[in-house]
PDB file of all heavy atoms in Angstrom:
ATOM      1  N   ALA A   1      73.339  84.342 102.986  1.00  0.00           N
ATOM      2  CA  ALA A   1      73.688  85.232 101.876  1.00  0.00           C
ATOM      3  C   ALA A   1      75.144  85.656 101.995  1.00  0.00           C
ATOM      4  O   ALA A   1      75.650  85.842 103.105  1.00  0.00           O
ATOM      5  CB  ALA A   1      72.787  86.461 101.892  1.00  0.00           C
ATOM      6  N   PRO A   2      75.823  85.778 100.861  1.00  0.00           N
ATOM      7  CA  PRO A   2      77.224  86.203 100.919  1.00  0.00           C
ATOM      8  C   PRO A   2      77.362  87.572 101.581  1.00  0.00           C
ATOM      9  O   PRO A   2      76.505  88.452 101.421  1.00  0.00           O
ATOM     10  CB  PRO A   2      77.634  86.271  99.437  1.00  0.00           C
ATOM     11  CG  PRO A   2      76.623  85.442  98.713  1.00  0.00           C
ATOM     12  CD  PRO A   2      75.356  85.547  99.489  1.00  0.00           C
ATOM     13  N   THR A   3      78.419  87.735 102.341  1.00  0.00           N
ATOM     14  CA  THR A   3      78.670  88.997 103.027  1.00  0.00           C
ATOM     15  C   THR A   3      79.199  90.028 102.041  1.00  0.00           C
ATOM     16  O   THR A   3      80.063  89.743 101.222  1.00  0.00           O
ATOM     17  CB  THR A   3      79.688  88.787 104.156  1.00  0.00           C
ATOM     18  OG1 THR A   3      79.199  87.778 105.027  1.00  0.00           O
ATOM     19  CG2 THR A   3      79.903  90.076 104.929  1.00  0.00           C
ATOM     20  N   SER A   4      78.665  91.251 102.141  1.00  0.00           N
ATOM     21  CA  SER A   4      79.139  92.322 101.276  1.00  0.00           C
ATOM     22  C   SER A   4      80.496  92.828 101.752  1.00  0.00           C
ATOM     23  O   SER A   4      80.844  92.736 102.935  1.00  0.00           O
ATOM     24  CB  SER A   4      78.143  93.477 101.270  1.00  0.00           C
ATOM     25  OG  SER A   4      76.946  93.095 100.624  1.00  0.00           O
ATOM     26  N   GLN A   5      81.264  93.337 100.820  1.00  0.00           N
ATOM     27  CA  GLN A   5      82.561  93.931 101.127  1.00  0.00           C
ATOM     28  C   GLN A   5      82.872  94.982 100.084  1.00  0.00           C
ATOM     29  O   GLN A   5      82.191  95.089  99.059  1.00  0.00           O
ATOM     30  CB  GLN A   5      83.648  92.859 101.155  1.00  0.00           C
ATOM     31  CG  GLN A   5      83.854  92.153  99.812  1.00  0.00           C
ATOM     32  CD  GLN A   5      84.967  91.118  99.844  1.00  0.00           C
ATOM     33  OE1 GLN A   5      85.933  91.272 100.579  1.00  0.00           O
ATOM     34  NE2 GLN A   5      84.822  90.062  99.060  1.00  0.00           N
ATOM     35  N   LEU A   6      83.921  95.742 100.317  1.00  0.00           N
ATOM     36  CA  LEU A   6      84.354  96.729  99.335  1.00  0.00           C
ATOM     37  C   LEU A   6      84.795  96.039  98.051  1.00  0.00           C
ATOM     38  O   LEU A   6      85.451  94.988  98.080  1.00  0.00           O
ATOM     39  CB  LEU A   6      85.511  97.557  99.887  1.00  0.00           C
ATOM     40  CG  LEU A   6      85.217  98.641 100.916  1.00  0.00           C
ATOM     41  CD1 LEU A   6      86.514  99.310 101.345  1.00  0.00           C
ATOM     42  CD2 LEU A   6      84.248  99.672 100.351  1.00  0.00           C
ATOM     43  N   ALA A   7      84.470  96.656  96.940  1.00  0.00           N
ATOM     44  CA  ALA A   7      84.903  96.103  95.652  1.00  0.00           C
ATOM     45  C   ALA A   7      86.425  95.984  95.587  1.00  0.00           C
ATOM     46  O   ALA A   7      86.959  95.037  95.001  1.00  0.00           O
ATOM     47  CB  ALA A   7      84.383  96.977  94.516  1.00  0.00           C
ATOM     48  N   GLY A   8      87.126  96.949  96.176  1.00  0.00           N
ATOM     49  CA  GLY A   8      88.585  96.875  96.187  1.00  0.00           C
ATOM     50  C   GLY A   8      89.108  95.646  96.898  1.00  0.00           C
ATOM     51  O   GLY A   8      90.121  95.057  96.503  1.00  0.00           O
ATOM     52  N   HIS A   9      88.423  95.212  97.950  1.00  0.00           N
ATOM     53  CA  HIS A   9      88.808  93.992  98.657  1.00  0.00           C
ATOM     54  C   HIS A   9      88.527  92.759  97.796  1.00  0.00           C
ATOM     55  O   HIS A   9      89.328  91.819  97.765  1.00  0.00           O
ATOM     56  CB  HIS A   9      88.042  93.903  99.979  1.00  0.00           C
ATOM     57  CG  HIS A   9      88.554  94.827 101.026  1.00  0.00           C
ATOM     58  ND1 HIS A   9      88.689  94.463 102.350  1.00  0.00           N
ATOM     59  CD2 HIS A   9      88.975  96.117 100.971  1.00  0.00           C
ATOM     60  CE1 HIS A   9      89.165  95.490 103.058  1.00  0.00           C
ATOM     61  NE2 HIS A   9      89.337  96.513 102.226  1.00  0.00           N
ATOM     62  N   LEU A  10      87.368  92.754  97.127  1.00  0.00           N
ATOM     63  CA  LEU A  10      87.035  91.639  96.245  1.00  0.00           C
ATOM     64  C   LEU A  10      88.085  91.486  95.150  1.00  0.00           C
ATOM     65  O   LEU A  10      88.476  90.365  94.797  1.00  0.00           O
ATOM     66  CB  LEU A  10      85.658  91.853  95.616  1.00  0.00           C
ATOM     67  CG  LEU A  10      85.266  90.871  94.502  1.00  0.00           C
ATOM     68  CD1 LEU A  10      85.193  89.439  95.032  1.00  0.00           C
ATOM     69  CD2 LEU A  10      83.944  91.291  93.867  1.00  0.00           C
ATOM     70  N   LEU A  11      88.559  92.595  94.602  1.00  0.00           N
ATOM     71  CA  LEU A  11      89.568  92.539  93.553  1.00  0.00           C
ATOM     72  C   LEU A  11      90.813  91.796  94.036  1.00  0.00           C
ATOM     73  O   LEU A  11      91.372  90.945  93.326  1.00  0.00           O
ATOM     74  CB  LEU A  11      89.931  93.952  93.103  1.00  0.00           C
ATOM     75  CG  LEU A  11      90.969  94.066  91.978  1.00  0.00           C
ATOM     76  CD1 LEU A  11      90.469  93.429  90.699  1.00  0.00           C
ATOM     77  CD2 LEU A  11      91.336  95.516  91.725  1.00  0.00           C
ATOM     78  N   VAL A  12      91.259  92.102  95.238  1.00  0.00           N
ATOM     79  CA  VAL A  12      92.435  91.425  95.785  1.00  0.00           C
ATOM     80  C   VAL A  12      92.146  89.948  95.990  1.00  0.00           C
ATOM     81  O   VAL A  12      92.992  89.087  95.702  1.00  0.00           O
ATOM     82  CB  VAL A  12      92.879  92.096  97.094  1.00  0.00           C
ATOM     83  CG1 VAL A  12      94.038  91.317  97.725  1.00  0.00           C
ATOM     84  CG2 VAL A  12      93.296  93.546  96.838  1.00  0.00           C
ATOM     85  N   GLU A  13      90.951  89.596  96.454  1.00  0.00           N
ATOM     86  CA  GLU A  13      90.595  88.189  96.618  1.00  0.00           C
ATOM     87  C   GLU A  13      90.618  87.455  95.274  1.00  0.00           C
ATOM     88  O   GLU A  13      91.011  86.292  95.195  1.00  0.00           O
ATOM     89  CB  GLU A  13      89.217  88.066  97.261  1.00  0.00           C
ATOM     90  CG  GLU A  13      89.190  88.437  98.740  1.00  0.00           C
ATOM     91  CD  GLU A  13      87.847  88.132  99.386  1.00  0.00           C
ATOM     92  OE1 GLU A  13      86.910  87.704  98.653  1.00  0.00           O
ATOM     93  OE2 GLU A  13      87.728  88.338 100.605  1.00  0.00           O
ATOM     94  N   CYS A  14      90.202  88.140  94.217  1.00  0.00           N
ATOM     95  CA  CYS A  14      90.247  87.531  92.881  1.00  0.00           C
ATOM     96  C   CYS A  14      91.685  87.238  92.459  1.00  0.00           C
ATOM     97  O   CYS A  14      91.965  86.223  91.808  1.00  0.00           O
ATOM     98  CB  CYS A  14      89.565  88.436  91.862  1.00  0.00           C
ATOM     99  SG  CYS A  14      87.773  88.533  92.039  1.00  0.00           S
ATOM    100  N   LEU A  15      92.617  88.130  92.809  1.00  0.00           N
ATOM    101  CA  LEU A  15      94.029  87.881  92.497  1.00  0.00           C
ATOM    102  C   LEU A  15      94.541  86.671  93.266  1.00  0.00           C
ATOM    103  O   LEU A  15      95.262  85.827  92.717  1.00  0.00           O
ATOM    104  CB  LEU A  15      94.863  89.115  92.827  1.00  0.00           C
ATOM    105  CG  LEU A  15      94.567  90.387  92.023  1.00  0.00           C
ATOM    106  CD1 LEU A  15      95.471  91.526  92.484  1.00  0.00           C
ATOM    107  CD2 LEU A  15      94.742  90.143  90.531  1.00  0.00           C
ATOM    108  N   VAL A  16      94.189  86.576  94.524  1.00  0.00           N
ATOM    109  CA  VAL A  16      94.594  85.416  95.324  1.00  0.00           C
ATOM    110  C   VAL A  16      94.045  84.133  94.706  1.00  0.00           C
ATOM    111  O   VAL A  16      94.745  83.112  94.624  1.00  0.00           O
ATOM    112  CB  VAL A  16      94.128  85.582  96.786  1.00  0.00           C
ATOM    113  CG1 VAL A  16      94.384  84.302  97.576  1.00  0.00           C
ATOM    114  CG2 VAL A  16      94.828  86.767  97.445  1.00  0.00           C
ATOM    115  N   ALA A  17      92.794  84.177  94.244  1.00  0.00           N
ATOM    116  CA  ALA A  17      92.187  83.005  93.621  1.00  0.00           C
ATOM    117  C   ALA A  17      92.921  82.591  92.357  1.00  0.00           C
ATOM    118  O   ALA A  17      92.933  81.404  91.993  1.00  0.00           O
ATOM    119  CB  ALA A  17      90.717  83.279  93.302  1.00  0.00           C
ATOM    120  N   GLN A  18      93.555  83.552  91.675  1.00  0.00           N
ATOM    121  CA  GLN A  18      94.333  83.247  90.476  1.00  0.00           C
ATOM    122  C   GLN A  18      95.766  82.816  90.804  1.00  0.00           C
ATOM    123  O   GLN A  18      96.567  82.602  89.892  1.00  0.00           O
ATOM    124  CB  GLN A  18      94.353  84.447  89.532  1.00  0.00           C
ATOM    125  CG  GLN A  18      92.999  84.800  88.951  1.00  0.00           C
ATOM    126  CD  GLN A  18      92.372  83.653  88.187  1.00  0.00           C
ATOM    127  OE1 GLN A  18      93.061  82.865  87.543  1.00  0.00           O
ATOM    128  NE2 GLN A  18      91.048  83.538  88.272  1.00  0.00           N
ATOM    129  N   GLY A  19      96.096  82.695  92.075  1.00  0.00           N
ATOM    130  CA  GLY A  19      97.421  82.227  92.465  1.00  0.00           C
ATOM    131  C   GLY A  19      98.469  83.303  92.543  1.00  0.00           C
ATOM    132  O   GLY A  19      99.666  83.000  92.627  1.00  0.00           O
ATOM    133  N   VAL A  20      98.061  84.567  92.523  1.00  0.00           N
ATOM    134  CA  VAL A  20      99.024  85.672  92.574  1.00  0.00           C
ATOM    135  C   VAL A  20      99.569  85.789  93.996  1.00  0.00           C
ATOM    136  O   VAL A  20      98.805  85.854  94.964  1.00  0.00           O
ATOM    137  CB  VAL A  20      98.370  86.998  92.136  1.00  0.00           C
ATOM    138  CG1 VAL A  20      99.367  88.148  92.243  1.00  0.00           C
ATOM    139  CG2 VAL A  20      97.842  86.875  90.710  1.00  0.00           C
ATOM    140  N   THR A  21     100.880  85.826  94.125  1.00  0.00           N
ATOM    141  CA  THR A  21     101.527  85.989  95.438  1.00  0.00           C
ATOM    142  C   THR A  21     102.164  87.354  95.610  1.00  0.00           C
ATOM    143  O   THR A  21     102.382  87.798  96.736  1.00  0.00           O
ATOM    144  CB  THR A  21     102.600  84.916  95.652  1.00  0.00           C
ATOM    145  OG1 THR A  21     103.595  85.029  94.607  1.00  0.00           O
ATOM    146  CG2 THR A  21     101.982  83.516  95.629  1.00  0.00           C
ATOM    147  N   HIS A  22     102.490  88.024  94.494  1.00  0.00           N
ATOM    148  CA  HIS A  22     103.122  89.336  94.539  1.00  0.00           C
ATOM    149  C   HIS A  22     102.474  90.239  93.486  1.00  0.00           C
ATOM    150  O   HIS A  22     102.285  89.823  92.333  1.00  0.00           O
ATOM    151  CB  HIS A  22     104.623  89.252  94.239  1.00  0.00           C
ATOM    152  CG  HIS A  22     105.412  88.526  95.275  1.00  0.00           C
ATOM    153  ND1 HIS A  22     105.383  87.149  95.405  1.00  0.00           N
ATOM    154  CD2 HIS A  22     106.264  88.990  96.245  1.00  0.00           C
ATOM    155  CE1 HIS A  22     106.194  86.792  96.392  1.00  0.00           C
ATOM    156  NE2 HIS A  22     106.723  87.875  96.918  1.00  0.00           N
ATOM    157  N   ALA A  23     102.141  91.444  93.880  1.00  0.00           N
ATOM    158  CA  ALA A  23     101.702  92.475  92.941  1.00  0.00           C
ATOM    159  C   ALA A  23     102.639  93.662  93.099  1.00  0.00           C
ATOM    160  O   ALA A  23     103.055  93.992  94.214  1.00  0.00           O
ATOM    161  CB  ALA A  23     100.265  92.894  93.217  1.00  0.00           C
ATOM    162  N   PHE A  24     102.986  94.287  91.994  1.00  0.00           N
ATOM    163  CA  PHE A  24     103.964  95.371  91.994  1.00  0.00           C
ATOM    164  C   PHE A  24     103.262  96.676  91.613  1.00  0.00           C
ATOM    165  O   PHE A  24     102.349  96.679  90.789  1.00  0.00           O
ATOM    166  CB  PHE A  24     105.086  95.067  91.002  1.00  0.00           C
ATOM    167  CG  PHE A  24     105.765  93.755  91.274  1.00  0.00           C
ATOM    168  CD1 PHE A  24     105.295  92.584  90.701  1.00  0.00           C
ATOM    169  CD2 PHE A  24     106.860  93.683  92.122  1.00  0.00           C
ATOM    170  CE1 PHE A  24     105.912  91.361  90.959  1.00  0.00           C
ATOM    171  CE2 PHE A  24     107.474  92.471  92.393  1.00  0.00           C
ATOM    172  CZ  PHE A  24     107.002  91.301  91.812  1.00  0.00           C
ATOM    173  N   GLY A  25     103.701  97.779  92.196  1.00  0.00           N
ATOM    174  CA  GLY A  25     103.057  99.020  91.825  1.00  0.00           C
ATOM    175  C   GLY A  25     103.547 100.222  92.595  1.00  0.00           C
ATOM    176  O   GLY A  25     104.362 100.124  93.515  1.00  0.00           O
ATOM    177  N   VAL A  26     103.051 101.369  92.162  1.00  0.00           N
ATOM    178  CA  VAL A  26     103.247 102.633  92.867  1.00  0.00           C
ATOM    179  C   VAL A  26     101.869 103.067  93.348  1.00  0.00           C
ATOM    180  O   VAL A  26     100.928 103.123  92.552  1.00  0.00           O
ATOM    181  CB  VAL A  26     103.872 103.700  91.945  1.00  0.00           C
ATOM    182  CG1 VAL A  26     103.966 105.043  92.663  1.00  0.00           C
ATOM    183  CG2 VAL A  26     105.250 103.245  91.471  1.00  0.00           C
ATOM    184  N   PRO A  27     101.689 103.342  94.632  1.00  0.00           N
ATOM    185  CA  PRO A  27     100.351 103.632  95.149  1.00  0.00           C
ATOM    186  C   PRO A  27      99.784 104.925  94.582  1.00  0.00           C
ATOM    187  O   PRO A  27     100.512 105.851  94.232  1.00  0.00           O
ATOM    188  CB  PRO A  27     100.573 103.737  96.664  1.00  0.00           C
ATOM    189  CG  PRO A  27     102.016 104.108  96.808  1.00  0.00           C
ATOM    190  CD  PRO A  27     102.722 103.426  95.683  1.00  0.00           C
ATOM    191  N   GLY A  28      98.457 104.959  94.480  1.00  0.00           N
ATOM    192  CA  GLY A  28      97.777 106.156  94.012  1.00  0.00           C
ATOM    193  C   GLY A  28      96.443 106.315  94.719  1.00  0.00           C
ATOM    194  O   GLY A  28      95.826 105.314  95.111  1.00  0.00           O
ATOM    195  N   GLU A  29      96.001 107.549  94.867  1.00  0.00           N
ATOM    196  CA  GLU A  29      94.732 107.766  95.563  1.00  0.00           C
ATOM    197  C   GLU A  29      93.557 107.206  94.789  1.00  0.00           C
ATOM    198  O   GLU A  29      92.463 107.020  95.326  1.00  0.00           O
ATOM    199  CB  GLU A  29      94.522 109.263  95.840  1.00  0.00           C
ATOM    200  CG  GLU A  29      94.364 110.131  94.617  1.00  0.00           C
ATOM    201  CD  GLU A  29      95.680 110.682  94.090  1.00  0.00           C
ATOM    202  OE1 GLU A  29      96.740 110.058  94.346  1.00  0.00           O
ATOM    203  OE2 GLU A  29      95.657 111.736  93.433  1.00  0.00           O
ATOM    204  N   SER A  30      93.766 106.904  93.510  1.00  0.00           N
ATOM    205  CA  SER A  30      92.673 106.380  92.689  1.00  0.00           C
ATOM    206  C   SER A  30      92.319 104.941  93.034  1.00  0.00           C
ATOM    207  O   SER A  30      91.254 104.464  92.636  1.00  0.00           O
ATOM    208  CB  SER A  30      93.047 106.466  91.208  1.00  0.00           C
ATOM    209  OG  SER A  30      94.251 105.766  90.971  1.00  0.00           O
ATOM    210  N   TYR A  31      93.182 104.218  93.733  1.00  0.00           N
ATOM    211  CA  TYR A  31      92.820 102.838  94.093  1.00  0.00           C
ATOM    212  C   TYR A  31      93.131 102.534  95.568  1.00  0.00           C
ATOM    213  O   TYR A  31      93.586 101.460  95.926  1.00  0.00           O
ATOM    214  CB  TYR A  31      93.471 101.827  93.144  1.00  0.00           C
ATOM    215  CG  TYR A  31      94.972 101.716  93.162  1.00  0.00           C
ATOM    216  CD1 TYR A  31      95.606 100.733  93.927  1.00  0.00           C
ATOM    217  CD2 TYR A  31      95.770 102.539  92.375  1.00  0.00           C
ATOM    218  CE1 TYR A  31      96.993 100.590  93.923  1.00  0.00           C
ATOM    219  CE2 TYR A  31      97.142 102.409  92.365  1.00  0.00           C
ATOM    220  CZ  TYR A  31      97.755 101.426  93.145  1.00  0.00           C
ATOM    221  OH  TYR A  31      99.124 101.278  93.140  1.00  0.00           O
ATOM    222  N   LEU A  32      92.787 103.480  96.439  1.00  0.00           N
ATOM    223  CA  LEU A  32      92.999 103.285  97.870  1.00  0.00           C
ATOM    224  C   LEU A  32      92.231 102.079  98.405  1.00  0.00           C
ATOM    225  O   LEU A  32      92.704 101.380  99.313  1.00  0.00           O
ATOM    226  CB  LEU A  32      92.568 104.544  98.635  1.00  0.00           C
ATOM    227  CG  LEU A  32      93.438 105.798  98.450  1.00  0.00           C
ATOM    228  CD1 LEU A  32      92.824 106.972  99.209  1.00  0.00           C
ATOM    229  CD2 LEU A  32      94.876 105.545  98.898  1.00  0.00           C
ATOM    230  N   ALA A  33      91.061 101.812  97.853  1.00  0.00           N
ATOM    231  CA  ALA A  33      90.274 100.672  98.324  1.00  0.00           C
ATOM    232  C   ALA A  33      90.970  99.351  98.027  1.00  0.00           C
ATOM    233  O   ALA A  33      90.846  98.378  98.775  1.00  0.00           O
ATOM    234  CB  ALA A  33      88.887 100.696  97.682  1.00  0.00           C
ATOM    235  N   VAL A  34      91.736  99.294  96.912  1.00  0.00           N
ATOM    236  CA  VAL A  34      92.513  98.086  96.608  1.00  0.00           C
ATOM    237  C   VAL A  34      93.678  97.959  97.583  1.00  0.00           C
ATOM    238  O   VAL A  34      93.973  96.859  98.082  1.00  0.00           O
ATOM    239  CB  VAL A  34      93.015  98.117  95.155  1.00  0.00           C
ATOM    240  CG1 VAL A  34      93.878  96.885  94.862  1.00  0.00           C
ATOM    241  CG2 VAL A  34      91.845  98.179  94.188  1.00  0.00           C
ATOM    242  N   LEU A  35      94.340  99.068  97.880  1.00  0.00           N
ATOM    243  CA  LEU A  35      95.422  99.027  98.863  1.00  0.00           C
ATOM    244  C   LEU A  35      94.910  98.535 100.215  1.00  0.00           C
ATOM    245  O   LEU A  35      95.589  97.781 100.915  1.00  0.00           O
ATOM    246  CB  LEU A  35      96.059 100.413  98.999  1.00  0.00           C
ATOM    247  CG  LEU A  35      96.812 100.939  97.773  1.00  0.00           C
ATOM    248  CD1 LEU A  35      97.274 102.372  98.002  1.00  0.00           C
ATOM    249  CD2 LEU A  35      97.992 100.049  97.432  1.00  0.00           C
ATOM    250  N   ASP A  36      93.699  98.947 100.564  1.00  0.00           N
ATOM    251  CA  ASP A  36      93.113  98.447 101.806  1.00  0.00           C
ATOM    252  C   ASP A  36      92.845  96.946 101.713  1.00  0.00           C
ATOM    253  O   ASP A  36      92.972  96.223 102.706  1.00  0.00           O
ATOM    254  CB  ASP A  36      91.816  99.204 102.113  1.00  0.00           C
ATOM    255  CG  ASP A  36      91.397  99.026 103.558  1.00  0.00           C
ATOM    256  OD1 ASP A  36      92.154  99.447 104.459  1.00  0.00           O
ATOM    257  OD2 ASP A  36      90.319  98.422 103.800  1.00  0.00           O
ATOM    258  N   GLY A  37      92.502  96.484 100.511  1.00  0.00           N
ATOM    259  CA  GLY A  37      92.336  95.047 100.304  1.00  0.00           C
ATOM    260  C   GLY A  37      93.643  94.291 100.453  1.00  0.00           C
ATOM    261  O   GLY A  37      93.678  93.194 101.019  1.00  0.00           O
ATOM    262  N   PHE A  38      94.721  94.882  99.944  1.00  0.00           N
ATOM    263  CA  PHE A  38      96.035  94.253 100.146  1.00  0.00           C
ATOM    264  C   PHE A  38      96.378  94.185 101.640  1.00  0.00           C
ATOM    265  O   PHE A  38      96.963  93.209 102.110  1.00  0.00           O
ATOM    266  CB  PHE A  38      97.120  95.025  99.396  1.00  0.00           C
ATOM    267  CG  PHE A  38      97.186  94.720  97.924  1.00  0.00           C
ATOM    268  CD1 PHE A  38      97.038  95.730  96.986  1.00  0.00           C
ATOM    269  CD2 PHE A  38      97.398  93.437  97.472  1.00  0.00           C
ATOM    270  CE1 PHE A  38      97.102  95.469  95.627  1.00  0.00           C
ATOM    271  CE2 PHE A  38      97.465  93.148  96.118  1.00  0.00           C
ATOM    272  CZ  PHE A  38      97.314  94.166  95.191  1.00  0.00           C
ATOM    273  N   HIS A  39      96.000  95.218 102.370  1.00  0.00           N
ATOM    274  CA  HIS A  39      96.239  95.200 103.815  1.00  0.00           C
ATOM    275  C   HIS A  39      95.440  94.078 104.475  1.00  0.00           C
ATOM    276  O   HIS A  39      95.949  93.334 105.324  1.00  0.00           O
ATOM    277  CB  HIS A  39      95.858  96.547 104.433  1.00  0.00           C
ATOM    278  CG  HIS A  39      96.001  96.595 105.923  1.00  0.00           C
ATOM    279  ND1 HIS A  39      94.954  96.293 106.775  1.00  0.00           N
ATOM    280  CD2 HIS A  39      97.062  96.886 106.710  1.00  0.00           C
ATOM    281  CE1 HIS A  39      95.371  96.395 108.026  1.00  0.00           C
ATOM    282  NE2 HIS A  39      96.637  96.763 108.009  1.00  0.00           N
ATOM    283  N   ALA A  40      94.183  93.943 104.061  1.00  0.00           N
ATOM    284  CA  ALA A  40      93.334  92.917 104.659  1.00  0.00           C
ATOM    285  C   ALA A  40      93.832  91.501 104.361  1.00  0.00           C
ATOM    286  O   ALA A  40      93.646  90.590 105.172  1.00  0.00           O
ATOM    287  CB  ALA A  40      91.899  93.093 104.164  1.00  0.00           C
ATOM    288  N   HIS A  41      94.461  91.321 103.220  1.00  0.00           N
ATOM    289  CA  HIS A  41      94.908  89.988 102.795  1.00  0.00           C
ATOM    290  C   HIS A  41      96.433  89.893 102.744  1.00  0.00           C
ATOM    291  O   HIS A  41      96.988  89.115 101.966  1.00  0.00           O
ATOM    292  CB  HIS A  41      94.310  89.652 101.430  1.00  0.00           C
ATOM    293  CG  HIS A  41      92.814  89.593 101.431  1.00  0.00           C
ATOM    294  ND1 HIS A  41      92.107  88.557 101.998  1.00  0.00           N
ATOM    295  CD2 HIS A  41      91.881  90.468 100.952  1.00  0.00           C
ATOM    296  CE1 HIS A  41      90.810  88.771 101.858  1.00  0.00           C
ATOM    297  NE2 HIS A  41      90.642  89.932 101.225  1.00  0.00           N
ATOM    298  N   ARG A  42      97.093  90.653 103.593  1.00  0.00           N
ATOM    299  CA  ARG A  42      98.555  90.742 103.541  1.00  0.00           C
ATOM    300  C   ARG A  42      99.252  89.433 103.870  1.00  0.00           C
ATOM    301  O   ARG A  42     100.431  89.261 103.552  1.00  0.00           O
ATOM    302  CB  ARG A  42      99.056  91.852 104.467  1.00  0.00           C
ATOM    303  CG  ARG A  42      98.688  91.691 105.931  1.00  0.00           C
ATOM    304  CD  ARG A  42      99.015  92.969 106.701  1.00  0.00           C
ATOM    305  NE  ARG A  42      98.663  92.894 108.112  1.00  0.00           N
ATOM    306  CZ  ARG A  42      97.447  93.091 108.593  1.00  0.00           C
ATOM    307  NH1 ARG A  42      96.438  93.369 107.763  1.00  0.00           N
ATOM    308  NH2 ARG A  42      97.212  93.016 109.892  1.00  0.00           N
ATOM    309  N   GLU A  43      98.559  88.492 104.489  1.00  0.00           N
ATOM    310  CA  GLU A  43      99.165  87.192 104.772  1.00  0.00           C
ATOM    311  C   GLU A  43      99.164  86.282 103.551  1.00  0.00           C
ATOM    312  O   GLU A  43      99.844  85.267 103.526  1.00  0.00           O
ATOM    313  CB  GLU A  43      98.426  86.503 105.929  1.00  0.00           C
ATOM    314  CG  GLU A  43      98.419  87.289 107.230  1.00  0.00           C
ATOM    315  CD  GLU A  43      99.830  87.576 107.730  1.00  0.00           C
ATOM    316  OE1 GLU A  43     100.696  86.699 107.576  1.00  0.00           O
ATOM    317  OE2 GLU A  43     100.052  88.681 108.262  1.00  0.00           O
TER     318      GLU A  43
END
């Protein structure tokens, strides 16, 4: 069975799947889970 993960991490994986190499932004507490996803996939 597929391993569960935070939705914020999945979102970042979806961007990688679309070929995104750079995302631009100003951080906010409303999407900390996505920032953690960027950390997990920082390579």
